[in-house]
Amino acid sequence: MVLFVLTQRAPIPILLLLLIMVYLAVIEVRPREDMSFQAKFWWVMLVFLTNFPGLIALRIYTFVLNRRRTAETKT
């Protein structure tokens, strides 16, 4: 996104990929009951601004949260 702002241009396929990544981020955070709306919005905006690294960070974060939740329910 920062590159798009600096160059004032964005190819259509890149914009479509950005929209797909933001959609995936929304799908990832929407069912989370333990996150506030502000945290969900922050994660979606992080993915919007940083693209792929933000999406990877979100996936790692939700993986860790799910792992902790399953560990708590087992004990």
PDB file of N, CA and C in Angstrom:
ATOM      1  N   MET A   1       0.819  -1.188   0.000  1.00  0.00           N
ATOM      2  CA  MET A   1       0.000   0.000   0.000  1.00  0.00           C
ATOM      3  C   MET A   1       0.864   1.252   0.000  1.00  0.00           C
ATOM      4  N   VAL A   2       1.931   1.224   0.755  1.00  0.00           N
ATOM      5  CA  VAL A   2       2.809   2.393   0.807  1.00  0.00           C
ATOM      6  C   VAL A   2       3.424   2.649  -0.565  1.00  0.00           C
ATOM      7  N   LEU A   3       3.788   1.577  -1.258  1.00  0.00           N
ATOM      8  CA  LEU A   3       4.338   1.718  -2.602  1.00  0.00           C
ATOM      9  C   LEU A   3       3.328   2.341  -3.544  1.00  0.00           C
ATOM     10  N   PHE A   4       2.057   1.986  -3.399  1.00  0.00           N
ATOM     11  CA  PHE A   4       1.014   2.567  -4.236  1.00  0.00           C
ATOM     12  C   PHE A   4       0.867   4.063  -3.982  1.00  0.00           C
ATOM     13  N   VAL A   5       0.983   4.457  -2.745  1.00  0.00           N
ATOM     14  CA  VAL A   5       0.849   5.874  -2.399  1.00  0.00           C
ATOM     15  C   VAL A   5       2.029   6.666  -2.950  1.00  0.00           C
ATOM     16  N   LEU A   6       3.221   6.103  -2.849  1.00  0.00           N
ATOM     17  CA  LEU A   6       4.408   6.810  -3.330  1.00  0.00           C
ATOM     18  C   LEU A   6       4.426   6.952  -4.842  1.00  0.00           C
ATOM     19  N   THR A   7       4.030   5.921  -5.566  1.00  0.00           N
ATOM     20  CA  THR A   7       4.095   5.969  -7.029  1.00  0.00           C
ATOM     21  C   THR A   7       2.820   6.494  -7.667  1.00  0.00           C
ATOM     22  N   GLN A   8       1.743   6.587  -6.905  1.00  0.00           N
ATOM     23  CA  GLN A   8       0.452   7.053  -7.405  1.00  0.00           C
ATOM     24  C   GLN A   8      -0.117   6.146  -8.499  1.00  0.00           C
ATOM     25  N   ARG A   9       0.328   4.891  -8.549  1.00  0.00           N
ATOM     26  CA  ARG A   9      -0.157   3.931  -9.529  1.00  0.00           C
ATOM     27  C   ARG A   9      -0.295   2.576  -8.858  1.00  0.00           C
ATOM     28  N   ALA A  10      -1.250   1.804  -9.334  1.00  0.00           N
ATOM     29  CA  ALA A  10      -1.410   0.441  -8.850  1.00  0.00           C
ATOM     30  C   ALA A  10      -2.028  -0.403  -9.960  1.00  0.00           C
ATOM     31  N   PRO A  11      -1.343  -1.450 -10.364  1.00  0.00           N
ATOM     32  CA  PRO A  11      -1.921  -2.330 -11.390  1.00  0.00           C
ATOM     33  C   PRO A  11      -3.164  -3.047 -10.850  1.00  0.00           C
ATOM     34  N   ILE A  12      -4.086  -3.326 -11.717  1.00  0.00           N
ATOM     35  CA  ILE A  12      -5.344  -3.957 -11.332  1.00  0.00           C
ATOM     36  C   ILE A  12      -5.127  -5.316 -10.651  1.00  0.00           C
ATOM     37  N   PRO A  13      -4.255  -6.204 -11.161  1.00  0.00           N
ATOM     38  CA  PRO A  13      -4.070  -7.484 -10.463  1.00  0.00           C
ATOM     39  C   PRO A  13      -3.541  -7.323  -9.033  1.00  0.00           C
ATOM     40  N   ILE A  14      -2.683  -6.337  -8.817  1.00  0.00           N
ATOM     41  CA  ILE A  14      -2.160  -6.102  -7.468  1.00  0.00           C
ATOM     42  C   ILE A  14      -3.269  -5.599  -6.546  1.00  0.00           C
ATOM     43  N   LEU A  15      -4.129  -4.743  -7.042  1.00  0.00           N
ATOM     44  CA  LEU A  15      -5.259  -4.275  -6.240  1.00  0.00           C
ATOM     45  C   LEU A  15      -6.210  -5.420  -5.906  1.00  0.00           C
ATOM     46  N   LEU A  16      -6.431  -6.306  -6.853  1.00  0.00           N
ATOM     47  CA  LEU A  16      -7.281  -7.462  -6.579  1.00  0.00           C
ATOM     48  C   LEU A  16      -6.671  -8.356  -5.513  1.00  0.00           C
ATOM     49  N   LEU A  17      -5.367  -8.560  -5.575  1.00  0.00           N
ATOM     50  CA  LEU A  17      -4.700  -9.357  -4.550  1.00  0.00           C
ATOM     51  C   LEU A  17      -4.794  -8.689  -3.180  1.00  0.00           C
ATOM     52  N   LEU A  18      -4.678  -7.376  -3.146  1.00  0.00           N
ATOM     53  CA  LEU A  18      -4.824  -6.650  -1.884  1.00  0.00           C
ATOM     54  C   LEU A  18      -6.227  -6.835  -1.313  1.00  0.00           C
ATOM     55  N   LEU A  19      -7.227  -6.734  -2.159  1.00  0.00           N
ATOM     56  CA  LEU A  19      -8.603  -6.929  -1.702  1.00  0.00           C
ATOM     57  C   LEU A  19      -8.820  -8.355  -1.196  1.00  0.00           C
ATOM     58  N   ILE A  20      -8.228  -9.328  -1.854  1.00  0.00           N
ATOM     59  CA  ILE A  20      -8.346 -10.718  -1.414  1.00  0.00           C
ATOM     60  C   ILE A  20      -7.689 -10.896  -0.048  1.00  0.00           C
ATOM     61  N   MET A  21      -6.525 -10.291   0.161  1.00  0.00           N
ATOM     62  CA  MET A  21      -5.848 -10.404   1.452  1.00  0.00           C
ATOM     63  C   MET A  21      -6.650  -9.739   2.565  1.00  0.00           C
ATOM     64  N   VAL A  22      -7.234  -8.591   2.288  1.00  0.00           N
ATOM     65  CA  VAL A  22      -8.065  -7.920   3.291  1.00  0.00           C
ATOM     66  C   VAL A  22      -9.298  -8.772   3.591  1.00  0.00           C
ATOM     67  N   TYR A  23      -9.887  -9.369   2.561  1.00  0.00           N
ATOM     68  CA  TYR A  23     -11.035 -10.255   2.760  1.00  0.00           C
ATOM     69  C   TYR A  23     -10.651 -11.449   3.631  1.00  0.00           C
ATOM     70  N   LEU A  24      -9.491 -12.040   3.384  1.00  0.00           N
ATOM     71  CA  LEU A  24      -9.026 -13.155   4.202  1.00  0.00           C
ATOM     72  C   LEU A  24      -8.804 -12.735   5.652  1.00  0.00           C
ATOM     73  N   ALA A  25      -8.318 -11.519   5.847  1.00  0.00           N
ATOM     74  CA  ALA A  25      -8.119 -11.005   7.203  1.00  0.00           C
ATOM     75  C   ALA A  25      -9.461 -10.829   7.908  1.00  0.00           C
ATOM     76  N   VAL A  26     -10.455 -10.334   7.193  1.00  0.00           N
ATOM     77  CA  VAL A  26     -11.786 -10.160   7.781  1.00  0.00           C
ATOM     78  C   VAL A  26     -12.368 -11.515   8.166  1.00  0.00           C
ATOM     79  N   ILE A  27     -12.222 -12.498   7.286  1.00  0.00           N
ATOM     80  CA  ILE A  27     -12.713 -13.844   7.591  1.00  0.00           C
ATOM     81  C   ILE A  27     -11.994 -14.414   8.804  1.00  0.00           C
ATOM     82  N   GLU A  28     -10.720 -14.111   8.945  1.00  0.00           N
ATOM     83  CA  GLU A  28      -9.932 -14.640  10.056  1.00  0.00           C
ATOM     84  C   GLU A  28     -10.351 -14.042  11.401  1.00  0.00           C
ATOM     85  N   VAL A  29     -10.629 -12.748  11.446  1.00  0.00           N
ATOM     86  CA  VAL A  29     -10.920 -12.103  12.733  1.00  0.00           C
ATOM     87  C   VAL A  29     -12.406 -12.045  13.068  1.00  0.00           C
ATOM     88  N   ARG A  30     -13.272 -12.222  12.098  1.00  0.00           N
ATOM     89  CA  ARG A  30     -14.705 -12.078  12.354  1.00  0.00           C
ATOM     90  C   ARG A  30     -15.237 -13.037  13.411  1.00  0.00           C
ATOM     91  N   PRO A  31     -14.912 -14.333  13.388  1.00  0.00           N
ATOM     92  CA  PRO A  31     -15.512 -15.226  14.393  1.00  0.00           C
ATOM     93  C   PRO A  31     -14.859 -15.170  15.775  1.00  0.00           C
ATOM     94  N   ARG A  32     -13.803 -14.389  15.938  1.00  0.00           N
ATOM     95  CA  ARG A  32     -13.099 -14.344  17.225  1.00  0.00           C
ATOM     96  C   ARG A  32     -13.947 -13.603  18.245  1.00  0.00           C
ATOM     97  N   GLU A  33     -14.396 -14.331  19.253  1.00  0.00           N
ATOM     98  CA  GLU A  33     -15.205 -13.743  20.327  1.00  0.00           C
ATOM     99  C   GLU A  33     -14.337 -13.020  21.352  1.00  0.00           C
ATOM    100  N   ASP A  34     -13.068 -13.422  21.463  1.00  0.00           N
ATOM    101  CA  ASP A  34     -12.196 -12.874  22.503  1.00  0.00           C
ATOM    102  C   ASP A  34     -11.495 -11.582  22.087  1.00  0.00           C
ATOM    103  N   MET A  35     -11.756 -11.101  20.874  1.00  0.00           N
ATOM    104  CA  MET A  35     -11.137  -9.858  20.405  1.00  0.00           C
ATOM    105  C   MET A  35     -12.189  -8.753  20.356  1.00  0.00           C
ATOM    106  N   SER A  36     -11.775  -7.556  20.731  1.00  0.00           N
ATOM    107  CA  SER A  36     -12.680  -6.417  20.632  1.00  0.00           C
ATOM    108  C   SER A  36     -12.764  -5.959  19.182  1.00  0.00           C
ATOM    109  N   PHE A  37     -13.759  -5.132  18.899  1.00  0.00           N
ATOM    110  CA  PHE A  37     -13.908  -4.609  17.542  1.00  0.00           C
ATOM    111  C   PHE A  37     -12.688  -3.789  17.140  1.00  0.00           C
ATOM    112  N   GLN A  38     -12.141  -3.042  18.091  1.00  0.00           N
ATOM    113  CA  GLN A  38     -10.976  -2.219  17.804  1.00  0.00           C
ATOM    114  C   GLN A  38      -9.769  -3.083  17.428  1.00  0.00           C
ATOM    115  N   ALA A  39      -9.574  -4.198  18.103  1.00  0.00           N
ATOM    116  CA  ALA A  39      -8.470  -5.099  17.778  1.00  0.00           C
ATOM    117  C   ALA A  39      -8.678  -5.736  16.407  1.00  0.00           C
ATOM    118  N   LYS A  40      -9.909  -6.114  16.120  1.00  0.00           N
ATOM    119  CA  LYS A  40     -10.203  -6.682  14.800  1.00  0.00           C
ATOM    120  C   LYS A  40      -9.929  -5.659  13.702  1.00  0.00           C
ATOM    121  N   PHE A  41     -10.372  -4.436  13.916  1.00  0.00           N
ATOM    122  CA  PHE A  41     -10.147  -3.376  12.937  1.00  0.00           C
ATOM    123  C   PHE A  41      -8.651  -3.113  12.763  1.00  0.00           C
ATOM    124  N   TRP A  42      -7.904  -3.149  13.872  1.00  0.00           N
ATOM    125  CA  TRP A  42      -6.459  -2.918  13.808  1.00  0.00           C
ATOM    126  C   TRP A  42      -5.788  -3.979  12.948  1.00  0.00           C
ATOM    127  N   TRP A  43      -6.163  -5.240  13.124  1.00  0.00           N
ATOM    128  CA  TRP A  43      -5.558  -6.307  12.336  1.00  0.00           C
ATOM    129  C   TRP A  43      -5.895  -6.174  10.854  1.00  0.00           C
ATOM    130  N   VAL A  44      -7.139  -5.831  10.546  1.00  0.00           N
ATOM    131  CA  VAL A  44      -7.521  -5.667   9.135  1.00  0.00           C
ATOM    132  C   VAL A  44      -6.762  -4.494   8.513  1.00  0.00           C
ATOM    133  N   MET A  45      -6.614  -3.405   9.248  1.00  0.00           N
ATOM    134  CA  MET A  45      -5.869  -2.266   8.711  1.00  0.00           C
ATOM    135  C   MET A  45      -4.375  -2.577   8.574  1.00  0.00           C
ATOM    136  N   LEU A  46      -3.842  -3.378   9.484  1.00  0.00           N
ATOM    137  CA  LEU A  46      -2.446  -3.792   9.361  1.00  0.00           C
ATOM    138  C   LEU A  46      -2.235  -4.587   8.078  1.00  0.00           C
ATOM    139  N   VAL A  47      -3.146  -5.494   7.783  1.00  0.00           N
ATOM    140  CA  VAL A  47      -3.054  -6.268   6.541  1.00  0.00           C
ATOM    141  C   VAL A  47      -3.207  -5.339   5.340  1.00  0.00           C
ATOM    142  N   PHE A  48      -4.107  -4.371   5.430  1.00  0.00           N
ATOM    143  CA  PHE A  48      -4.299  -3.428   4.325  1.00  0.00           C
ATOM    144  C   PHE A  48      -3.036  -2.616   4.052  1.00  0.00           C
ATOM    145  N   LEU A  49      -2.347  -2.215   5.104  1.00  0.00           N
ATOM    146  CA  LEU A  49      -1.174  -1.361   4.928  1.00  0.00           C
ATOM    147  C   LEU A  49       0.103  -2.132   4.614  1.00  0.00           C
ATOM    148  N   THR A  50       0.242  -3.339   5.162  1.00  0.00           N
ATOM    149  CA  THR A  50       1.499  -4.067   4.968  1.00  0.00           C
ATOM    150  C   THR A  50       1.370  -5.259   4.032  1.00  0.00           C
ATOM    151  N   ASN A  51       0.154  -5.563   3.594  1.00  0.00           N
ATOM    152  CA  ASN A  51      -0.128  -6.639   2.654  1.00  0.00           C
ATOM    153  C   ASN A  51       0.278  -8.001   3.198  1.00  0.00           C
ATOM    154  N   PHE A  52       1.139  -8.709   2.510  1.00  0.00           N
ATOM    155  CA  PHE A  52       1.467 -10.098   2.847  1.00  0.00           C
ATOM    156  C   PHE A  52       2.110 -10.261   4.222  1.00  0.00           C
ATOM    157  N   PRO A  53       3.081  -9.430   4.637  1.00  0.00           N
ATOM    158  CA  PRO A  53       3.640  -9.610   5.987  1.00  0.00           C
ATOM    159  C   PRO A  53       2.593  -9.445   7.092  1.00  0.00           C
ATOM    160  N   GLY A  54       1.661  -8.537   6.910  1.00  0.00           N
ATOM    161  CA  GLY A  54       0.599  -8.357   7.892  1.00  0.00           C
ATOM    162  C   GLY A  54      -0.318  -9.563   7.957  1.00  0.00           C
ATOM    163  N   LEU A  55      -0.611 -10.164   6.811  1.00  0.00           N
ATOM    164  CA  LEU A  55      -1.447 -11.359   6.781  1.00  0.00           C
ATOM    165  C   LEU A  55      -0.751 -12.532   7.455  1.00  0.00           C
ATOM    166  N   ILE A  56       0.543 -12.674   7.218  1.00  0.00           N
ATOM    167  CA  ILE A  56       1.307 -13.741   7.870  1.00  0.00           C
ATOM    168  C   ILE A  56       1.339 -13.519   9.388  1.00  0.00           C
ATOM    169  N   ALA A  57       1.524 -12.279   9.822  1.00  0.00           N
ATOM    170  CA  ALA A  57       1.538 -11.977  11.256  1.00  0.00           C
ATOM    171  C   ALA A  57       0.175 -12.297  11.885  1.00  0.00           C
ATOM    172  N   LEU A  58      -0.906 -11.976  11.189  1.00  0.00           N
ATOM    173  CA  LEU A  58      -2.242 -12.287  11.687  1.00  0.00           C
ATOM    174  C   LEU A  58      -2.446 -13.792  11.800  1.00  0.00           C
ATOM    175  N   ARG A  59      -2.008 -14.547  10.810  1.00  0.00           N
ATOM    176  CA  ARG A  59      -2.153 -16.003  10.853  1.00  0.00           C
ATOM    177  C   ARG A  59      -1.353 -16.598  12.013  1.00  0.00           C
ATOM    178  N   ILE A  60      -0.148 -16.097  12.240  1.00  0.00           N
ATOM    179  CA  ILE A  60       0.664 -16.587  13.361  1.00  0.00           C
ATOM    180  C   ILE A  60      -0.010 -16.240  14.686  1.00  0.00           C
ATOM    181  N   TYR A  61      -0.521 -15.022  14.808  1.00  0.00           N
ATOM    182  CA  TYR A  61      -1.185 -14.587  16.041  1.00  0.00           C
ATOM    183  C   TYR A  61      -2.401 -15.453  16.351  1.00  0.00           C
ATOM    184  N   THR A  62      -3.251 -15.703  15.354  1.00  0.00           N
ATOM    185  CA  THR A  62      -4.435 -16.519  15.600  1.00  0.00           C
ATOM    186  C   THR A  62      -4.059 -17.977  15.861  1.00  0.00           C
ATOM    187  N   PHE A  63      -2.991 -18.462  15.240  1.00  0.00           N
ATOM    188  CA  PHE A  63      -2.527 -19.816  15.515  1.00  0.00           C
ATOM    189  C   PHE A  63      -2.102 -19.955  16.972  1.00  0.00           C
ATOM    190  N   VAL A  64      -1.354 -18.970  17.469  1.00  0.00           N
ATOM    191  CA  VAL A  64      -0.905 -19.000  18.863  1.00  0.00           C
ATOM    192  C   VAL A  64      -2.103 -18.911  19.810  1.00  0.00           C
ATOM    193  N   LEU A  65      -3.065 -18.052  19.519  1.00  0.00           N
ATOM    194  CA  LEU A  65      -4.244 -17.948  20.371  1.00  0.00           C
ATOM    195  C   LEU A  65      -5.037 -19.251  20.394  1.00  0.00           C
ATOM    196  N   ASN A  66      -5.198 -19.874  19.248  1.00  0.00           N
ATOM    197  CA  ASN A  66      -5.917 -21.153  19.192  1.00  0.00           C
ATOM    198  C   ASN A  66      -5.169 -22.234  19.947  1.00  0.00           C
ATOM    199  N   ARG A  67      -3.854 -22.221  19.848  1.00  0.00           N
ATOM    200  CA  ARG A  67      -3.042 -23.221  20.549  1.00  0.00           C
ATOM    201  C   ARG A  67      -3.163 -23.042  22.065  1.00  0.00           C
ATOM    202  N   ARG A  68      -3.138 -21.792  22.513  1.00  0.00           N
ATOM    203  CA  ARG A  68      -3.297 -21.531  23.953  1.00  0.00           C
ATOM    204  C   ARG A  68      -4.682 -21.951  24.437  1.00  0.00           C
ATOM    205  N   ARG A  69      -5.706 -21.682  23.629  1.00  0.00           N
ATOM    206  CA  ARG A  69      -7.070 -22.036  24.020  1.00  0.00           C
ATOM    207  C   ARG A  69      -7.215 -23.547  24.152  1.00  0.00           C
ATOM    208  N   THR A  70      -6.644 -24.305  23.226  1.00  0.00           N
ATOM    209  CA  THR A  70      -6.752 -25.762  23.317  1.00  0.00           C
ATOM    210  C   THR A  70      -5.933 -26.302  24.486  1.00  0.00           C
ATOM    211  N   ALA A  71      -4.803 -25.658  24.804  1.00  0.00           N
ATOM    212  CA  ALA A  71      -4.006 -26.088  25.949  1.00  0.00           C
ATOM    213  C   ALA A  71      -4.738 -25.829  27.257  1.00  0.00           C
ATOM    214  N   GLU A  72      -5.478 -24.734  27.337  1.00  0.00           N
ATOM    215  CA  GLU A  72      -6.237 -24.416  28.550  1.00  0.00           C
ATOM    216  C   GLU A  72      -7.401 -25.371  28.752  1.00  0.00           C
ATOM    217  N   THR A  73      -8.020 -25.792  27.663  1.00  0.00           N
ATOM    218  CA  THR A  73      -9.183 -26.681  27.796  1.00  0.00           C
ATOM    219  C   THR A  73      -8.756 -28.112  28.136  1.00  0.00           C
ATOM    220  N   LYS A  74      -7.538 -28.498  27.790  1.00  0.00           N
ATOM    221  CA  LYS A  74      -7.061 -29.837  28.106  1.00  0.00           C
ATOM    222  C   LYS A  74      -6.694 -29.994  29.576  1.00  0.00           C
ATOM    223  N   THR A  75      -6.274 -28.903  30.228  1.00  0.00           N
ATOM    224  CA  THR A  75      -5.860 -29.002  31.631  1.00  0.00           C
ATOM    225  C   THR A  75      -6.975 -28.600  32.558  1.00  0.00           C
TER     226      THR A  75
END
